[in-house]
Protein backbone atom coordinates (compact mmCIF):
# COMPACT_ATOMS: atom_id res chain seq x y z
CA MET A 1 -190.70 -42.74 -179.73
CA ASP A 2 -191.33 -45.76 -182.04
CA GLN A 3 -188.37 -47.15 -183.98
CA HIS A 4 -190.67 -48.40 -186.98
CA ILE A 5 -194.22 -47.58 -188.28
CA ALA A 6 -195.39 -51.18 -187.45
CA GLU A 7 -195.03 -50.28 -183.68
CA ALA A 8 -197.41 -47.44 -184.01
CA ILE A 9 -199.85 -49.21 -186.34
CA GLY A 10 -200.09 -52.21 -183.74
CA ARG A 11 -200.97 -50.08 -180.74
CA PRO A 12 -204.67 -49.91 -180.27
CA ASP A 13 -207.11 -47.15 -179.12
CA LEU A 14 -209.33 -47.77 -176.07
CA ILE A 15 -212.58 -45.81 -176.76
CA ARG A 16 -215.47 -45.65 -174.35
CA LEU A 17 -218.51 -45.58 -176.33
CA ASP A 18 -220.76 -45.29 -173.34
CA ASP A 19 -220.74 -46.12 -169.69
CA ARG A 20 -220.32 -49.89 -169.98
CA LEU A 21 -219.35 -50.30 -173.73
CA VAL A 22 -215.71 -49.96 -174.78
CA CYS A 23 -214.00 -50.57 -178.14
CA LEU A 24 -210.62 -51.80 -178.41
CA ARG A 25 -209.77 -50.24 -181.93
CA PHE A 26 -206.64 -51.37 -184.07
CA GLU A 27 -205.66 -49.95 -187.41
CA THR A 28 -204.49 -53.55 -188.07
CA MET A 29 -204.68 -55.99 -185.07
CA LYS A 30 -202.21 -58.85 -186.24
CA VAL A 31 -199.42 -56.35 -186.40
CA VAL A 32 -199.09 -56.89 -182.65
CA SER A 33 -198.77 -60.77 -182.84
CA ALA A 34 -196.63 -60.78 -186.09
CA LEU A 35 -194.04 -58.46 -184.53
CA ALA A 36 -193.83 -60.56 -181.21
CA ALA A 37 -193.75 -63.66 -183.18
CA VAL A 38 -190.80 -62.53 -185.44
CA ARG A 39 -188.91 -61.16 -182.49
CA ARG A 40 -189.31 -64.37 -180.43
CA LEU A 41 -188.12 -66.37 -183.54
CA LEU A 42 -185.09 -64.10 -183.99
CA ASP A 43 -184.22 -64.21 -180.21
CA THR A 44 -184.42 -67.97 -180.06
CA GLY A 45 -182.26 -68.48 -183.15
CA ALA A 46 -185.19 -70.24 -185.02
CA VAL A 47 -184.69 -67.82 -187.97
CA ARG A 48 -182.08 -65.27 -188.90
CA ARG A 49 -182.14 -61.93 -190.57
CA GLY A 50 -182.66 -62.32 -194.48
CA ASP A 51 -184.56 -65.57 -194.01
CA THR A 52 -188.03 -66.01 -195.80
CA LEU A 53 -191.10 -66.33 -193.65
CA LEU A 54 -194.13 -67.89 -195.09
CA ASP A 55 -197.94 -68.08 -194.39
CA SER A 56 -201.31 -67.98 -195.63
CA SER A 57 -203.76 -65.04 -195.10
CA SER A 58 -207.16 -63.58 -195.96
CA GLY A 59 -205.56 -60.02 -195.67
CA ILE A 60 -204.81 -58.61 -192.41
CA TYR A 61 -202.08 -61.15 -191.27
CA ALA A 62 -200.37 -60.76 -194.88
CA TYR A 63 -199.97 -56.94 -194.19
CA ALA A 64 -198.83 -57.60 -190.66
CA LEU A 65 -196.29 -60.17 -191.54
CA ALA A 66 -194.97 -57.88 -194.25
CA LEU A 67 -194.39 -55.17 -191.76
CA ALA A 68 -192.80 -57.51 -189.38
CA CYS A 69 -190.37 -58.54 -191.97
CA HIS A 70 -189.75 -55.10 -193.01
CA ARG A 71 -189.10 -54.12 -189.50
CA TYR A 72 -186.59 -57.09 -188.79
CA GLY A 73 -185.06 -57.48 -192.34
CA MET A 74 -186.71 -60.66 -193.31
CA ARG A 75 -188.19 -61.69 -196.51
CA CYS A 76 -191.89 -62.34 -196.74
CA HIS A 77 -193.98 -64.74 -198.91
CA ILE A 78 -197.77 -64.69 -198.72
CA VAL A 79 -200.29 -67.17 -200.12
CA GLY A 80 -203.28 -64.87 -200.21
CA SER A 81 -207.05 -65.34 -200.25
CA THR A 82 -209.07 -64.27 -203.18
CA THR A 83 -210.41 -61.24 -200.88
CA VAL A 84 -206.72 -59.70 -200.86
CA ASP A 85 -207.78 -56.20 -202.59
CA ARG A 86 -205.75 -53.98 -204.88
CA THR A 87 -204.77 -51.72 -202.15
CA LEU A 88 -203.07 -54.69 -199.96
CA ARG A 89 -201.65 -56.14 -203.15
CA THR A 90 -199.90 -52.75 -203.98
CA GLN A 91 -198.83 -52.35 -200.29
CA LEU A 92 -197.22 -55.90 -200.11
CA ALA A 93 -195.44 -55.16 -203.32
CA VAL A 94 -193.84 -51.94 -202.33
CA LEU A 95 -192.92 -53.43 -199.00
CA GLY A 96 -190.97 -56.23 -200.91
CA ALA A 97 -193.31 -59.08 -199.90
CA THR A 98 -194.22 -61.78 -202.45
CA LEU A 99 -197.90 -62.50 -202.91
CA GLU A 100 -199.29 -65.73 -204.67
CA GLN A 101 -203.07 -64.96 -204.78
CA MET A 102 -205.64 -67.76 -205.25
CA GLU A 103 -207.84 -67.81 -208.32
CA PRO A 104 -211.34 -66.69 -207.72
CA CYS A 105 -213.62 -68.78 -205.93
CA SER A 106 -217.21 -68.49 -204.56
CA ASP A 107 -216.52 -70.79 -201.55
CA LEU A 108 -214.01 -69.02 -199.09
CA GLY A 109 -213.86 -72.33 -197.33
CA LEU A 110 -212.53 -73.99 -200.27
CA ASP A 111 -210.18 -71.00 -200.81
CA GLN A 112 -208.64 -71.60 -197.28
CA LYS A 113 -207.97 -75.18 -197.93
CA ARG A 114 -206.24 -74.48 -201.19
CA ARG A 115 -203.96 -71.87 -199.64
CA VAL A 116 -202.64 -74.35 -197.10
CA GLU A 117 -202.19 -76.95 -199.88
CA ARG A 118 -200.13 -74.48 -201.61
CA ILE A 119 -198.10 -73.77 -198.57
CA HIS A 120 -197.13 -77.34 -198.37
CA GLU A 121 -196.06 -77.27 -202.10
CA ILE A 122 -193.79 -74.22 -201.36
CA LEU A 123 -192.28 -75.77 -198.33
CA ALA A 124 -191.43 -78.95 -200.48
CA GLU A 125 -189.71 -76.77 -202.99
CA HIS A 126 -188.11 -74.38 -200.28
CA PRO A 127 -187.48 -76.35 -196.94
CA GLU A 128 -185.36 -73.38 -195.83
CA TYR A 129 -188.49 -71.10 -195.59
CA HIS A 130 -190.02 -70.69 -192.25
CA TRP A 131 -193.84 -71.31 -192.06
CA MET A 132 -195.31 -69.06 -189.45
CA ARG A 133 -198.25 -71.01 -188.80
CA GLN A 134 -200.59 -68.30 -187.70
CA TYR A 135 -203.38 -70.84 -187.31
CA HIS A 136 -201.37 -73.32 -185.22
CA ASP A 137 -198.42 -71.88 -183.50
CA ASP A 138 -199.18 -70.18 -180.20
CA ILE A 139 -196.22 -67.90 -180.49
CA HIS A 140 -198.88 -65.66 -181.74
CA TYR A 141 -200.39 -65.20 -178.45
CA LEU A 142 -197.25 -63.41 -177.25
CA GLY A 143 -198.00 -59.86 -178.51
CA TYR A 144 -201.41 -59.55 -176.60
CA ARG A 145 -199.92 -59.55 -173.18
CA VAL A 146 -199.13 -55.73 -173.17
CA ILE A 147 -202.70 -55.21 -174.62
CA ALA A 148 -204.13 -57.03 -171.76
CA ASP A 149 -202.22 -55.01 -169.21
CA ARG A 150 -203.51 -51.85 -170.82
CA ILE A 151 -207.05 -52.94 -170.82
CA ARG A 152 -206.77 -54.08 -167.00
CA GLU A 153 -205.27 -50.44 -166.34
CA GLU A 154 -207.81 -48.33 -168.43
CA THR A 155 -211.04 -50.20 -167.41
CA GLY A 156 -210.21 -49.21 -163.95
CA GLY A 157 -210.30 -52.83 -162.27
CA ALA A 158 -213.87 -53.44 -163.42
CA THR A 159 -215.28 -56.31 -161.20
CA GLY A 160 -217.00 -57.92 -164.21
CA LEU A 161 -215.31 -57.65 -167.70
CA THR A 162 -216.70 -59.21 -170.79
CA VAL A 163 -214.36 -59.38 -173.93
CA VAL A 164 -216.05 -59.85 -177.31
CA GLY A 165 -214.03 -60.74 -180.49
CA GLY A 166 -213.97 -62.62 -183.69
CA VAL A 167 -212.61 -66.02 -183.04
CA GLY A 168 -210.48 -66.47 -186.34
CA SER A 169 -207.31 -68.29 -185.41
CA GLY A 170 -207.90 -68.03 -181.73
CA ALA A 171 -204.75 -65.71 -180.86
CA SER A 172 -206.18 -62.49 -180.05
CA THR A 173 -209.24 -63.36 -177.87
CA GLY A 174 -207.70 -66.42 -176.43
CA SER A 175 -204.49 -64.52 -175.25
CA LEU A 176 -206.39 -61.68 -174.06
CA ALA A 177 -208.56 -63.95 -171.85
CA ARG A 178 -205.71 -65.84 -170.65
CA HIS A 179 -203.68 -62.80 -169.55
CA LEU A 180 -206.64 -60.90 -167.94
CA ARG A 181 -207.73 -64.02 -166.17
CA GLY A 182 -204.24 -65.00 -165.00
CA ALA A 183 -202.66 -61.79 -163.85
CA ALA A 184 -202.51 -61.21 -160.10
CA ALA A 185 -204.19 -57.98 -160.40
CA ALA A 186 -206.83 -59.08 -162.92
CA PRO A 187 -210.56 -58.45 -162.50
CA ALA A 188 -212.22 -61.17 -160.38
CA ASP A 189 -214.62 -62.06 -163.33
CA VAL A 190 -213.43 -62.07 -167.07
CA GLU A 191 -215.86 -63.53 -169.52
CA LEU A 192 -215.02 -64.39 -173.16
CA VAL A 193 -217.49 -64.07 -175.99
CA GLY A 194 -216.46 -65.38 -179.39
CA VAL A 195 -218.06 -64.18 -182.58
CA GLN A 196 -218.33 -66.66 -185.67
CA PRO A 197 -219.62 -66.59 -189.10
CA TYR A 198 -221.98 -69.19 -190.42
CA GLY A 199 -220.11 -71.97 -192.20
CA SER A 200 -217.20 -71.96 -189.88
CA LEU A 201 -216.51 -75.48 -188.33
CA THR A 202 -214.48 -74.18 -185.40
CA PHE A 203 -217.75 -74.44 -182.98
CA GLY A 204 -219.70 -76.37 -185.11
CA ALA A 205 -221.53 -74.22 -187.71
CA GLU A 206 -220.27 -75.78 -190.89
CA HIS A 207 -223.79 -77.10 -191.88
CA VAL A 208 -225.32 -73.54 -191.95
CA ARG A 209 -224.33 -71.33 -194.92
CA ASP A 210 -224.60 -67.63 -195.30
CA PRO A 211 -226.10 -66.88 -198.70
CA GLU A 212 -224.00 -63.77 -198.76
CA ILE A 213 -220.44 -64.64 -197.81
CA ILE A 214 -218.59 -66.03 -194.92
CA ILE A 215 -216.93 -63.18 -193.03
CA ALA A 216 -213.20 -63.63 -193.83
CA GLY A 217 -210.87 -63.83 -190.91
CA ILE A 218 -213.14 -64.81 -188.01
CA GLY A 219 -214.11 -68.25 -189.18
CA SER A 220 -212.53 -71.50 -190.49
CA SER A 221 -213.16 -74.47 -192.87
CA ILE A 222 -210.15 -76.30 -191.39
CA PRO A 223 -209.30 -77.14 -187.72
CA PHE A 224 -207.14 -74.42 -186.15
CA GLY A 225 -204.72 -75.43 -183.45
CA ASN A 226 -204.49 -71.96 -181.87
CA VAL A 227 -208.24 -72.05 -180.79
CA SER A 228 -208.58 -72.90 -177.13
CA HIS A 229 -212.11 -73.78 -176.94
CA GLU A 230 -212.22 -74.01 -173.18
CA LEU A 231 -211.50 -70.27 -172.83
CA TYR A 232 -214.98 -69.29 -174.36
CA ASP A 233 -218.05 -68.75 -172.30
CA THR A 234 -220.47 -67.69 -175.14
CA LEU A 235 -220.65 -67.81 -178.77
CA HIS A 236 -222.51 -65.49 -181.36
CA TRP A 237 -222.87 -66.55 -184.88
CA ILE A 238 -223.68 -63.55 -187.11
CA SER A 239 -224.54 -63.13 -190.82
CA PHE A 240 -222.99 -60.96 -193.38
CA ASP A 241 -226.39 -58.91 -193.37
CA ALA A 242 -226.52 -58.49 -189.58
CA ALA A 243 -222.63 -57.63 -189.26
CA LEU A 244 -223.37 -55.09 -192.18
CA ALA A 245 -226.05 -53.46 -189.94
CA GLY A 246 -223.61 -53.48 -187.12
CA SER A 247 -220.65 -51.74 -189.10
CA VAL A 248 -223.12 -49.07 -190.27
CA ASP A 249 -224.59 -48.36 -186.97
CA LEU A 250 -221.16 -48.24 -185.26
CA LEU A 251 -220.11 -45.44 -187.84
CA ARG A 252 -223.34 -43.63 -187.56
CA ARG A 253 -223.83 -43.71 -183.91
CA HIS A 254 -220.30 -43.51 -182.51
CA ALA A 255 -218.25 -42.50 -185.76
CA VAL A 256 -215.91 -45.73 -185.54
CA PHE A 257 -215.28 -46.66 -189.11
CA ALA A 258 -214.39 -50.40 -188.91
CA GLY A 259 -214.64 -53.61 -190.90
CA LEU A 260 -217.32 -56.30 -191.15
CA SER A 261 -216.10 -58.43 -188.33
CA THR A 262 -216.25 -55.33 -185.98
CA GLY A 263 -219.74 -54.81 -186.91
CA ALA A 264 -220.57 -58.37 -185.88
CA GLY A 265 -218.56 -57.92 -182.64
CA TYR A 266 -220.33 -54.85 -181.75
CA LEU A 267 -223.69 -56.42 -182.16
CA ALA A 268 -222.83 -59.20 -179.75
CA ALA A 269 -221.29 -56.85 -177.39
CA ARG A 270 -224.35 -54.48 -177.26
CA HIS A 271 -226.54 -57.58 -176.56
CA GLU A 272 -224.16 -58.82 -173.96
CA ARG A 273 -224.20 -55.49 -172.42
CA GLU A 274 -228.03 -55.55 -172.18
CA ARG A 275 -228.11 -58.92 -170.70
CA ALA A 276 -225.71 -58.00 -167.79
CA PRO A 277 -225.71 -54.07 -167.41
CA GLU A 278 -223.57 -54.29 -164.36
CA ARG A 279 -220.60 -55.53 -166.52
CA THR A 280 -218.15 -53.58 -168.61
CA VAL A 281 -218.20 -55.11 -172.18
CA LEU A 282 -215.16 -54.55 -174.50
CA PHE A 283 -215.35 -55.44 -178.07
CA ILE A 284 -212.40 -55.80 -180.63
CA ALA A 285 -212.16 -53.79 -183.71
CA ALA A 286 -209.57 -55.64 -185.68
CA ASP A 287 -209.13 -53.19 -188.65
CA THR A 288 -210.55 -49.99 -190.18
CA GLY A 289 -213.35 -50.07 -192.65
CA HIS A 290 -211.38 -49.11 -195.91
CA ARG A 291 -211.48 -52.55 -197.31
CA TYR A 292 -215.24 -52.65 -196.88
CA VAL A 293 -216.22 -49.34 -198.32
CA ASP A 294 -217.82 -50.87 -201.38
CA THR A 295 -219.14 -54.23 -200.05
CA VAL A 296 -220.43 -52.80 -196.63
CA HIS A 297 -220.47 -49.09 -196.05
CA ALA A 298 -221.62 -48.04 -199.49
CA ARG A 299 -224.61 -50.35 -198.79
CA TYR A 300 -225.92 -48.24 -195.70
CA ARG A 301 -229.20 -47.82 -197.02
CA GLU A 302 -229.88 -51.60 -196.99
CA ALA A 303 -228.82 -51.95 -193.30
CA ALA A 304 -231.47 -52.97 -190.87
CA PRO A 305 -232.03 -50.89 -187.79
CA ILE A 306 -230.02 -52.92 -185.16
CA GLU A 307 -232.86 -52.50 -182.66
CA HIS A 308 -234.67 -54.78 -185.06
CA LEU A 309 -232.06 -57.52 -184.50
CA ALA A 310 -231.95 -60.10 -181.80
CA PRO A 311 -230.08 -63.64 -181.51
CA ARG A 312 -231.94 -66.82 -181.44
CA GLU A 313 -230.95 -68.56 -178.35
CA VAL A 314 -229.73 -72.19 -179.08
CA ARG A 315 -228.67 -75.05 -176.75
CA ASP A 316 -226.38 -76.64 -179.31
CA PRO A 317 -225.07 -75.90 -182.84
CA SER A 318 -228.00 -78.12 -184.54
CA GLY A 319 -230.32 -75.28 -183.81
CA LEU A 320 -228.36 -72.52 -185.33
CA ALA A 321 -230.20 -70.29 -187.92
CA LEU A 322 -229.52 -67.00 -189.72
CA PRO A 323 -229.23 -64.20 -189.23
CA TRP A 324 -227.92 -64.25 -185.59
CA SER A 325 -227.59 -67.15 -183.20
CA ARG A 326 -226.25 -67.17 -179.45
CA MET A 327 -225.09 -70.12 -177.35
CA ARG A 328 -223.71 -70.59 -173.96
CA TRP A 329 -220.47 -72.68 -174.57
CA ASN A 330 -219.45 -72.72 -170.80
CA ARG A 331 -215.64 -73.13 -171.55
CA ALA A 332 -216.20 -76.74 -172.97
CA PRO A 333 -213.41 -78.36 -174.84
CA ALA A 334 -213.58 -78.84 -178.57
CA ALA A 335 -215.22 -81.73 -180.39
CA PRO A 336 -212.44 -84.15 -181.60
CA ALA A 337 -213.14 -83.35 -185.19
CA VAL A 338 -211.91 -79.71 -184.63
CA ARG A 339 -209.06 -79.92 -182.15
CA GLY A 340 -206.62 -78.85 -184.78
CA VAL A 341 -202.98 -80.05 -185.27
CA GLY A 342 -201.63 -79.15 -181.87
CA ARG A 343 -199.64 -76.09 -180.78
CA GLN A 344 -196.09 -75.35 -180.48
CA GLY A 345 -194.05 -72.41 -179.61
C-alpha cells in the first residue's frame, strides 16, 4: 500500500497500443524524479525536514516538487513560467507551496531565462534555501531506475527496443537509456530517440522559430547540464501543429488523453516503428491532457491527418524546417556552446 498519493501518481502505466508500439503513460512524470531526489537529499543530510526547496518550472516539475515536499515535510518555493495555469496555481497553494509566476511573455525562451535569473536573486536573499537544479543536477536521474526495470520486464526482453521521449532537462530519457543499456539483463539493442521543439538550443535548433509556440518542457533556451547528448541516436524536431495532430490522433485512435509533448512523441514513435518494424518502440507520455484542453484538444477539427505528415530528413541542424524534421545524432557529444554547467550529485 502506498504511504502517500505522490507514490501512486508517480507510478506509470504501460499500454500496448499495437504489436510493436507501447505507451509509457504517467499522470505526472516528474513526480518520480522529485521523490527520489528529495529522498536522497534527506538521506545524505544535504537538507533536513522543514527546509525550503527551490526551483524553476514550466509546470510539471512544480507540481512534482510540491508533492515531494508535502510527502517529506519540506517547504517548497517555485518560480513558475507564464504557462502555469489556474488549476496548477490552486493545487500549489493548497499544498502549501509558494509560487512566483513570471509576467506574461510571448517568448518562452526569454521566460525561462528570466526564471533562472530570479532563482539567483532569491538565493542571494535566502542562502539557506536548497536549489534543486532540475536542469543541472543528475540526482534527478535516480527515480527512473525502477521504471527501466519495469520496462525491461514487461516488454519481454525485446531484442530491439527504441525509447522515444521529449528531451527537456534530459533526466527521464537519459536515465531510462542508461539503465536499459547498462543492466545485465538489458535488451541487446536499445536506441534512444529524443524529441525537441523548434527554437530549442539543446541540439542546435535555436535558429528556427515555431510561429505557434515552443512546446514547454521538452526544449531549452539555456544550456542544460543534465542532457547527455551522447546517449541519443536520433532526434525529431516537431512543431506545435504537428504535435497537436499527434495528440488528437492518440486520443481518437487509442483513447489516450495526453499532453502536447506526448503528441509529438507519438508521431516520432510511429515513424520509427515504420522504419524498423522488427523493433519494439516505446514512447513516453509525460502527463495527461487536462492542461491542454483549450489550446490543443478543443482544436481537434484543425488537426491534420497524421498519415499526411512525415519528417524532413536532415544531415545537420542547418537543414531544419517546419513542421517536422528528423536527424541521426549517432550518440555524438554536445557542441561546446550547449554543454551546460556541469553535473553534480
